[in-house]
Each structure stands twice: as C-alpha cells, then as structure tokens.
Amino acid sequence: MLPTQGTLTRLPVDALAAVLDEVGAAVDALGGCSTMSYTTVALTAPRSAST
C-alpha cells in the first residue's frame, strides 16, 4: 500500500497504474511482502468555557 496523499494522488490514472505495477514488482522481487510497525496516537482535551 502506498500513501493516499501527496504526489501520487495527482498522477493521471495510467501513470499511477505504472507506478503501482513497478512497486509491486519490486516488492515481489524482495520476497513478496513487507511488514511495517506503526503506532496511532490520539490526543483529547476538554474545551474551556468562553469568557
């Protein structure tokens, strides 16, 4: 999976398909999978009253 924002989202459909094909071929050549660790952080805060 590639990022869903940034330069790739601005490519024409045919150009994006070519990039995805090449990336897929590169991943396949390296064993066919990639594992990525990530952490999601959520911050919350109470809203203070208006004065």
N, C-alpha and C. Protein backbone atom coordinates (compact mmCIF):
# COMPACT_ATOMS: atom_id res chain seq x y z
N MET A 1 0.85 -1.17 0.00
CA MET A 1 0.00 0.00 0.00
C MET A 1 0.89 1.23 0.00
N LEU A 2 0.50 2.19 -0.78
CA LEU A 2 1.25 3.44 -0.87
C LEU A 2 0.45 4.57 -0.22
N PRO A 3 1.12 5.64 0.11
CA PRO A 3 0.41 6.76 0.72
C PRO A 3 -0.77 7.22 -0.12
N THR A 4 -1.81 7.68 0.56
CA THR A 4 -3.00 8.14 -0.15
C THR A 4 -3.04 9.65 -0.30
N GLN A 5 -1.96 10.30 0.04
CA GLN A 5 -1.90 11.74 -0.15
C GLN A 5 -0.52 12.11 -0.66
N GLY A 6 -0.41 13.23 -1.27
CA GLY A 6 0.87 13.67 -1.79
C GLY A 6 0.93 13.56 -3.30
N THR A 7 2.12 13.44 -3.82
CA THR A 7 2.35 13.47 -5.27
C THR A 7 1.60 12.37 -6.01
N LEU A 8 1.54 11.17 -5.44
CA LEU A 8 0.90 10.07 -6.14
C LEU A 8 -0.58 10.32 -6.43
N THR A 9 -1.25 11.08 -5.60
CA THR A 9 -2.68 11.33 -5.82
C THR A 9 -2.92 12.27 -6.99
N ARG A 10 -1.87 12.93 -7.46
CA ARG A 10 -2.01 13.89 -8.56
C ARG A 10 -1.66 13.29 -9.92
N LEU A 11 -1.22 12.05 -9.93
CA LEU A 11 -0.86 11.41 -11.19
C LEU A 11 -2.10 11.02 -11.97
N PRO A 12 -2.01 11.07 -13.31
CA PRO A 12 -3.10 10.52 -14.12
C PRO A 12 -3.23 9.02 -13.84
N VAL A 13 -4.40 8.47 -14.08
CA VAL A 13 -4.68 7.07 -13.75
C VAL A 13 -3.67 6.12 -14.39
N ASP A 14 -3.33 6.34 -15.66
CA ASP A 14 -2.39 5.43 -16.32
C ASP A 14 -0.99 5.52 -15.73
N ALA A 15 -0.56 6.71 -15.34
CA ALA A 15 0.76 6.87 -14.72
C ALA A 15 0.78 6.23 -13.33
N LEU A 16 -0.30 6.40 -12.57
CA LEU A 16 -0.39 5.77 -11.25
C LEU A 16 -0.35 4.26 -11.37
N ALA A 17 -1.05 3.72 -12.36
CA ALA A 17 -1.04 2.26 -12.58
C ALA A 17 0.38 1.77 -12.87
N ALA A 18 1.13 2.53 -13.64
CA ALA A 18 2.51 2.14 -13.96
C ALA A 18 3.37 2.16 -12.69
N VAL A 19 3.21 3.17 -11.85
CA VAL A 19 3.97 3.25 -10.60
C VAL A 19 3.62 2.07 -9.70
N LEU A 20 2.33 1.78 -9.56
CA LEU A 20 1.91 0.66 -8.71
C LEU A 20 2.43 -0.67 -9.23
N ASP A 21 2.44 -0.85 -10.55
CA ASP A 21 3.00 -2.08 -11.13
C ASP A 21 4.48 -2.23 -10.80
N GLU A 22 5.23 -1.14 -10.93
CA GLU A 22 6.66 -1.19 -10.64
C GLU A 22 6.94 -1.44 -9.17
N VAL A 23 6.19 -0.78 -8.30
CA VAL A 23 6.37 -1.00 -6.86
C VAL A 23 6.02 -2.44 -6.51
N GLY A 24 4.93 -2.95 -7.08
CA GLY A 24 4.55 -4.34 -6.83
C GLY A 24 5.63 -5.31 -7.29
N ALA A 25 6.22 -5.05 -8.44
CA ALA A 25 7.30 -5.91 -8.94
C ALA A 25 8.51 -5.85 -8.02
N ALA A 26 8.84 -4.67 -7.52
CA ALA A 26 9.98 -4.54 -6.61
C ALA A 26 9.73 -5.29 -5.30
N VAL A 27 8.51 -5.18 -4.75
CA VAL A 27 8.18 -5.90 -3.52
C VAL A 27 8.23 -7.41 -3.77
N ASP A 28 7.69 -7.86 -4.89
CA ASP A 28 7.74 -9.29 -5.23
C ASP A 28 9.18 -9.78 -5.34
N ALA A 29 10.06 -8.97 -5.93
CA ALA A 29 11.46 -9.36 -6.09
C ALA A 29 12.18 -9.48 -4.74
N LEU A 30 11.66 -8.78 -3.73
CA LEU A 30 12.27 -8.83 -2.40
C LEU A 30 11.60 -9.83 -1.47
N GLY A 31 10.74 -10.66 -2.01
CA GLY A 31 10.11 -11.70 -1.20
C GLY A 31 8.60 -11.61 -1.12
N GLY A 32 8.02 -10.57 -1.66
CA GLY A 32 6.58 -10.51 -1.79
C GLY A 32 5.79 -9.91 -0.64
N CYS A 33 6.46 -9.47 0.40
CA CYS A 33 5.70 -8.83 1.49
C CYS A 33 6.59 -7.86 2.23
N SER A 34 5.94 -7.02 2.99
CA SER A 34 6.65 -6.04 3.79
C SER A 34 5.87 -5.82 5.07
N THR A 35 6.54 -5.84 6.19
CA THR A 35 5.89 -5.62 7.48
C THR A 35 6.34 -4.27 8.01
N MET A 36 5.39 -3.48 8.46
CA MET A 36 5.70 -2.16 8.98
C MET A 36 5.02 -1.97 10.33
N SER A 37 5.78 -1.57 11.29
CA SER A 37 5.21 -1.27 12.60
C SER A 37 4.77 0.17 12.62
N TYR A 38 3.68 0.43 13.31
CA TYR A 38 3.23 1.80 13.46
C TYR A 38 2.45 1.95 14.75
N THR A 39 2.35 3.15 15.22
CA THR A 39 1.61 3.46 16.44
C THR A 39 0.66 4.61 16.13
N THR A 40 -0.55 4.48 16.61
CA THR A 40 -1.53 5.56 16.47
C THR A 40 -1.67 6.26 17.80
N VAL A 41 -1.62 7.57 17.78
CA VAL A 41 -1.75 8.37 18.99
C VAL A 41 -2.95 9.30 18.84
N ALA A 42 -3.78 9.35 19.86
CA ALA A 42 -4.92 10.28 19.87
C ALA A 42 -4.81 11.16 21.10
N LEU A 43 -4.97 12.44 20.91
CA LEU A 43 -4.94 13.40 22.00
C LEU A 43 -6.31 14.04 22.16
N THR A 44 -6.75 14.19 23.37
CA THR A 44 -8.02 14.87 23.63
C THR A 44 -7.81 15.90 24.73
N ALA A 45 -8.65 16.91 24.74
CA ALA A 45 -8.59 17.95 25.77
C ALA A 45 -9.99 18.50 25.96
N PRO A 46 -10.33 18.83 27.18
CA PRO A 46 -11.65 19.44 27.40
C PRO A 46 -11.67 20.86 26.85
N ARG A 47 -12.80 21.27 26.37
CA ARG A 47 -12.97 22.63 25.88
C ARG A 47 -13.23 23.54 27.09
N SER A 48 -12.51 24.65 27.11
CA SER A 48 -12.74 25.59 28.22
C SER A 48 -13.90 26.52 27.86
N ALA A 49 -14.56 27.02 28.87
CA ALA A 49 -15.71 27.92 28.65
C ALA A 49 -15.22 29.25 28.08
N SER A 50 -16.02 29.83 27.23
CA SER A 50 -15.69 31.16 26.67
C SER A 50 -15.87 32.22 27.74
N THR A 51 -15.05 33.24 27.71
CA THR A 51 -15.19 34.34 28.67
C THR A 51 -15.47 35.64 27.97
